[in-house]
């Protein structure tokens, strides 16, 4: 599934806000399973964004 760079940027922004809320709700315990799990999801989206940007640059 193709996602535009702009859509991925929007998703990443929302995910960062959600991750910050999770960190706060877990009393800043970065080892919490919820925080770790969501952080891994965000990492996957960031990798996808990076690949999308690289592909755009290769086309130019």
PDB file of N, CA and C in Angstrom:
ATOM      1  N   UNK A   1       0.843  -1.182   0.000  1.00  0.00           N
ATOM      2  CA  UNK A   1       0.000   0.000   0.000  1.00  0.00           C
ATOM      3  C   UNK A   1       0.885   1.242   0.000  1.00  0.00           C
ATOM      4  N   UNK A   2       0.632   2.144  -0.929  1.00  0.00           N
ATOM      5  CA  UNK A   2       1.409   3.372  -1.034  1.00  0.00           C
ATOM      6  C   UNK A   2       0.772   4.453  -0.182  1.00  0.00           C
ATOM      7  N   UNK A   3       1.601   5.132   0.572  1.00  0.00           N
ATOM      8  CA  UNK A   3       1.143   6.285   1.351  1.00  0.00           C
ATOM      9  C   UNK A   3       2.018   7.460   0.964  1.00  0.00           C
ATOM     10  N   UNK A   4       1.386   8.596   0.729  1.00  0.00           N
ATOM     11  CA  UNK A   4       2.148   9.773   0.341  1.00  0.00           C
ATOM     12  C   UNK A   4       2.995  10.266   1.513  1.00  0.00           C
ATOM     13  N   UNK A   5       4.001  11.034   1.180  1.00  0.00           N
ATOM     14  CA  UNK A   5       4.881  11.608   2.200  1.00  0.00           C
ATOM     15  C   UNK A   5       4.078  12.490   3.160  1.00  0.00           C
ATOM     16  N   UNK A   6       3.126  13.238   2.622  1.00  0.00           N
ATOM     17  CA  UNK A   6       2.323  14.135   3.446  1.00  0.00           C
ATOM     18  C   UNK A   6       1.437  13.353   4.417  1.00  0.00           C
ATOM     19  N   UNK A   7       0.841  12.266   3.942  1.00  0.00           N
ATOM     20  CA  UNK A   7      -0.003  11.447   4.810  1.00  0.00           C
ATOM     21  C   UNK A   7       0.833  10.803   5.909  1.00  0.00           C
ATOM     22  N   UNK A   8       1.996  10.285   5.554  1.00  0.00           N
ATOM     23  CA  UNK A   8       2.880   9.695   6.555  1.00  0.00           C
ATOM     24  C   UNK A   8       3.305  10.737   7.584  1.00  0.00           C
ATOM     25  N   UNK A   9       3.593  11.945   7.133  1.00  0.00           N
ATOM     26  CA  UNK A   9       3.972  13.022   8.055  1.00  0.00           C
ATOM     27  C   UNK A   9       2.845  13.276   9.059  1.00  0.00           C
ATOM     28  N   UNK A  10       1.622  13.302   8.570  1.00  0.00           N
ATOM     29  CA  UNK A  10       0.463  13.521   9.444  1.00  0.00           C
ATOM     30  C   UNK A  10       0.323  12.372  10.451  1.00  0.00           C
ATOM     31  N   UNK A  11       0.471  11.151   9.984  1.00  0.00           N
ATOM     32  CA  UNK A  11       0.376   9.975  10.861  1.00  0.00           C
ATOM     33  C   UNK A  11       1.472  10.019  11.925  1.00  0.00           C
ATOM     34  N   UNK A  12       2.687  10.356  11.529  1.00  0.00           N
ATOM     35  CA  UNK A  12       3.811  10.424  12.469  1.00  0.00           C
ATOM     36  C   UNK A  12       3.553  11.475  13.545  1.00  0.00           C
ATOM     37  N   UNK A  13       3.048  12.622  13.138  1.00  0.00           N
ATOM     38  CA  UNK A  13       2.748  13.689  14.100  1.00  0.00           C
ATOM     39  C   UNK A  13       1.737  13.211  15.143  1.00  0.00           C
ATOM     40  N   UNK A  14       0.682  12.558  14.685  1.00  0.00           N
ATOM     41  CA  UNK A  14      -0.329  12.038  15.605  1.00  0.00           C
ATOM     42  C   UNK A  14       0.260  10.954  16.511  1.00  0.00           C
ATOM     43  N   UNK A  15       1.117  10.115  15.942  1.00  0.00           N
ATOM     44  CA  UNK A  15       1.701   9.020  16.731  1.00  0.00           C
ATOM     45  C   UNK A  15       2.637   9.559  17.804  1.00  0.00           C
ATOM     46  N   UNK A  16       3.403  10.594  17.491  1.00  0.00           N
ATOM     47  CA  UNK A  16       4.276  11.207  18.502  1.00  0.00           C
ATOM     48  C   UNK A  16       3.449  11.752  19.671  1.00  0.00           C
ATOM     49  N   UNK A  17       2.345  12.395  19.355  1.00  0.00           N
ATOM     50  CA  UNK A  17       1.479  12.927  20.412  1.00  0.00           C
ATOM     51  C   UNK A  17       0.935  11.790  21.265  1.00  0.00           C
ATOM     52  N   UNK A  18       0.514  10.719  20.623  1.00  0.00           N
ATOM     53  CA  UNK A  18      -0.016   9.551  21.352  1.00  0.00           C
ATOM     54  C   UNK A  18       1.077   8.904  22.207  1.00  0.00           C
ATOM     55  N   UNK A  19       2.281   8.794  21.665  1.00  0.00           N
ATOM     56  CA  UNK A  19       3.390   8.209  22.432  1.00  0.00           C
ATOM     57  C   UNK A  19       3.689   9.062  23.664  1.00  0.00           C
ATOM     58  N   UNK A  20       3.718  10.366  23.490  1.00  0.00           N
ATOM     59  CA  UNK A  20       3.952  11.255  24.637  1.00  0.00           C
ATOM     60  C   UNK A  20       2.879  11.083  25.707  1.00  0.00           C
ATOM     61  N   UNK A  21       1.629  10.953  25.280  1.00  0.00           N
ATOM     62  CA  UNK A  21       0.537  10.743  26.238  1.00  0.00           C
ATOM     63  C   UNK A  21       0.703   9.406  26.958  1.00  0.00           C
ATOM     64  N   UNK A  22       1.116   8.384  26.222  1.00  0.00           N
ATOM     65  CA  UNK A  22       1.353   7.079  26.840  1.00  0.00           C
ATOM     66  C   UNK A  22       2.477   7.140  27.871  1.00  0.00           C
ATOM     67  N   UNK A  23       3.534   7.846  27.524  1.00  0.00           N
ATOM     68  CA  UNK A  23       4.663   7.984  28.447  1.00  0.00           C
ATOM     69  C   UNK A  23       4.203   8.677  29.731  1.00  0.00           C
ATOM     70  N   UNK A  24       3.437   9.743  29.591  1.00  0.00           N
ATOM     71  CA  UNK A  24       2.925  10.450  30.766  1.00  0.00           C
ATOM     72  C   UNK A  24       2.009   9.571  31.598  1.00  0.00           C
ATOM     73  N   UNK A  25       1.107   8.848  30.928  1.00  0.00           N
ATOM     74  CA  UNK A  25       0.150   8.011  31.665  1.00  0.00           C
ATOM     75  C   UNK A  25       0.820   6.832  32.357  1.00  0.00           C
ATOM     76  N   UNK A  26       2.028   6.485  31.903  1.00  0.00           N
ATOM     77  CA  UNK A  26       2.791   5.405  32.532  1.00  0.00           C
ATOM     78  C   UNK A  26       3.858   5.966  33.470  1.00  0.00           C
ATOM     79  N   UNK A  27       3.653   7.201  33.921  1.00  0.00           N
ATOM     80  CA  UNK A  27       4.536   7.855  34.896  1.00  0.00           C
ATOM     81  C   UNK A  27       5.998   7.879  34.427  1.00  0.00           C
ATOM     82  N   UNK A  28       6.162   8.157  33.128  1.00  0.00           N
ATOM     83  CA  UNK A  28       7.482   8.311  32.498  1.00  0.00           C
ATOM     84  C   UNK A  28       8.334   7.044  32.574  1.00  0.00           C
ATOM     85  N   UNK A  29       7.664   5.892  32.663  1.00  0.00           N
ATOM     86  CA  UNK A  29       8.351   4.598  32.657  1.00  0.00           C
ATOM     87  C   UNK A  29       8.534   4.170  31.197  1.00  0.00           C
ATOM     88  N   UNK A  30       9.713   4.424  30.665  1.00  0.00           N
ATOM     89  CA  UNK A  30       9.975   4.112  29.259  1.00  0.00           C
ATOM     90  C   UNK A  30      10.086   2.622  29.000  1.00  0.00           C
ATOM     91  N   UNK A  31      10.184   1.822  30.051  1.00  0.00           N
ATOM     92  CA  UNK A  31      10.254   0.372  29.904  1.00  0.00           C
ATOM     93  C   UNK A  31       8.869  -0.283  29.970  1.00  0.00           C
ATOM     94  N   UNK A  32       7.839   0.518  30.147  1.00  0.00           N
ATOM     95  CA  UNK A  32       6.475  -0.006  30.176  1.00  0.00           C
ATOM     96  C   UNK A  32       6.184  -0.742  28.871  1.00  0.00           C
ATOM     97  N   UNK A  33       5.468  -1.845  28.965  1.00  0.00           N
ATOM     98  CA  UNK A  33       5.167  -2.627  27.760  1.00  0.00           C
ATOM     99  C   UNK A  33       4.333  -1.829  26.761  1.00  0.00           C
ATOM    100  N   UNK A  34       3.414  -0.993  27.253  1.00  0.00           N
ATOM    101  CA  UNK A  34       2.611  -0.154  26.357  1.00  0.00           C
ATOM    102  C   UNK A  34       3.487   0.836  25.603  1.00  0.00           C
ATOM    103  N   UNK A  35       4.387   1.475  26.318  1.00  0.00           N
ATOM    104  CA  UNK A  35       5.283   2.468  25.707  1.00  0.00           C
ATOM    105  C   UNK A  35       6.206   1.778  24.703  1.00  0.00           C
ATOM    106  N   UNK A  36       6.764   0.654  25.072  1.00  0.00           N
ATOM    107  CA  UNK A  36       7.665  -0.078  24.179  1.00  0.00           C
ATOM    108  C   UNK A  36       6.952  -0.525  22.906  1.00  0.00           C
ATOM    109  N   UNK A  37       5.764  -1.055  23.061  1.00  0.00           N
ATOM    110  CA  UNK A  37       5.002  -1.543  21.914  1.00  0.00           C
ATOM    111  C   UNK A  37       4.659  -0.408  20.950  1.00  0.00           C
ATOM    112  N   UNK A  38       4.172   0.696  21.488  1.00  0.00           N
ATOM    113  CA  UNK A  38       3.792   1.822  20.628  1.00  0.00           C
ATOM    114  C   UNK A  38       5.022   2.465  19.990  1.00  0.00           C
ATOM    115  N   UNK A  39       6.114   2.498  20.724  1.00  0.00           N
ATOM    116  CA  UNK A  39       7.350   3.042  20.190  1.00  0.00           C
ATOM    117  C   UNK A  39       7.829   2.222  18.990  1.00  0.00           C
ATOM    118  N   UNK A  40       7.684   0.916  19.069  1.00  0.00           N
ATOM    119  CA  UNK A  40       8.069   0.042  17.944  1.00  0.00           C
ATOM    120  C   UNK A  40       7.179   0.303  16.736  1.00  0.00           C
ATOM    121  N   UNK A  41       5.890   0.518  16.968  1.00  0.00           N
ATOM    122  CA  UNK A  41       4.982   0.851  15.863  1.00  0.00           C
ATOM    123  C   UNK A  41       5.419   2.150  15.195  1.00  0.00           C
ATOM    124  N   UNK A  42       5.756   3.137  16.006  1.00  0.00           N
ATOM    125  CA  UNK A  42       6.208   4.423  15.475  1.00  0.00           C
ATOM    126  C   UNK A  42       7.500   4.251  14.686  1.00  0.00           C
ATOM    127  N   UNK A  43       8.404   3.422  15.175  1.00  0.00           N
ATOM    128  CA  UNK A  43       9.650   3.153  14.446  1.00  0.00           C
ATOM    129  C   UNK A  43       9.373   2.604  13.051  1.00  0.00           C
ATOM    130  N   UNK A  44       8.411   1.691  12.949  1.00  0.00           N
ATOM    131  CA  UNK A  44       8.078   1.119  11.635  1.00  0.00           C
ATOM    132  C   UNK A  44       7.543   2.194  10.687  1.00  0.00           C
ATOM    133  N   UNK A  45       6.723   3.090  11.199  1.00  0.00           N
ATOM    134  CA  UNK A  45       6.181   4.168  10.363  1.00  0.00           C
ATOM    135  C   UNK A  45       7.297   5.124   9.951  1.00  0.00           C
ATOM    136  N   UNK A  46       8.216   5.410  10.860  1.00  0.00           N
ATOM    137  CA  UNK A  46       9.348   6.286  10.527  1.00  0.00           C
ATOM    138  C   UNK A  46      10.218   5.669   9.434  1.00  0.00           C
ATOM    139  N   UNK A  47      10.428   4.360   9.491  1.00  0.00           N
ATOM    140  CA  UNK A  47      11.193   3.683   8.437  1.00  0.00           C
ATOM    141  C   UNK A  47      10.481   3.779   7.094  1.00  0.00           C
ATOM    142  N   UNK A  48       9.183   3.611   7.125  1.00  0.00           N
ATOM    143  CA  UNK A  48       8.412   3.722   5.890  1.00  0.00           C
ATOM    144  C   UNK A  48       8.509   5.131   5.315  1.00  0.00           C
ATOM    145  N   UNK A  49       8.418   6.137   6.184  1.00  0.00           N
ATOM    146  CA  UNK A  49       8.552   7.528   5.753  1.00  0.00           C
ATOM    147  C   UNK A  49       9.924   7.760   5.121  1.00  0.00           C
ATOM    148  N   UNK A  50      10.956   7.238   5.770  1.00  0.00           N
ATOM    149  CA  UNK A  50      12.315   7.395   5.263  1.00  0.00           C
ATOM    150  C   UNK A  50      12.457   6.766   3.881  1.00  0.00           C
ATOM    151  N   UNK A  51      11.902   5.593   3.709  1.00  0.00           N
ATOM    152  CA  UNK A  51      11.972   4.921   2.399  1.00  0.00           C
ATOM    153  C   UNK A  51      11.216   5.711   1.338  1.00  0.00           C
ATOM    154  N   UNK A  52      10.077   6.269   1.703  1.00  0.00           N
ATOM    155  CA  UNK A  52       9.288   7.064   0.766  1.00  0.00           C
ATOM    156  C   UNK A  52      10.065   8.292   0.316  1.00  0.00           C
ATOM    157  N   UNK A  53      10.710   8.969   1.248  1.00  0.00           N
ATOM    158  CA  UNK A  53      11.497  10.158   0.921  1.00  0.00           C
ATOM    159  C   UNK A  53      12.679   9.774   0.029  1.00  0.00           C
ATOM    160  N   UNK A  54      13.344   8.667   0.346  1.00  0.00           N
ATOM    161  CA  UNK A  54      14.477   8.219  -0.467  1.00  0.00           C
ATOM    162  C   UNK A  54      14.038   7.911  -1.894  1.00  0.00           C
ATOM    163  N   UNK A  55      12.881   7.272  -2.061  1.00  0.00           N
ATOM    164  CA  UNK A  55      12.375   6.961  -3.386  1.00  0.00           C
ATOM    165  C   UNK A  55      12.064   8.236  -4.175  1.00  0.00           C
ATOM    166  N   UNK A  56      11.492   9.228  -3.492  1.00  0.00           N
ATOM    167  CA  UNK A  56      11.208  10.503  -4.149  1.00  0.00           C
ATOM    168  C   UNK A  56      12.478  11.181  -4.617  1.00  0.00           C
ATOM    169  N   UNK A  57      13.504  11.143  -3.784  1.00  0.00           N
ATOM    170  CA  UNK A  57      14.780  11.769  -4.148  1.00  0.00           C
ATOM    171  C   UNK A  57      15.441  11.035  -5.307  1.00  0.00           C
ATOM    172  N   UNK A  58      15.278   9.729  -5.356  1.00  0.00           N
ATOM    173  CA  UNK A  58      15.879   8.945  -6.437  1.00  0.00           C
ATOM    174  C   UNK A  58      15.211   9.252  -7.773  1.00  0.00           C
ATOM    175  N   UNK A  59      13.930   9.563  -7.737  1.00  0.00           N
ATOM    176  CA  UNK A  59      13.199   9.894  -8.964  1.00  0.00           C
ATOM    177  C   UNK A  59      13.578  11.266  -9.511  1.00  0.00           C
ATOM    178  N   UNK A  60      13.994  12.163  -8.628  1.00  0.00           N
ATOM    179  CA  UNK A  60      14.306  13.544  -9.049  1.00  0.00           C
ATOM    180  C   UNK A  60      15.622  13.664  -9.729  1.00  0.00           C
TER     181      UNK A  60
END
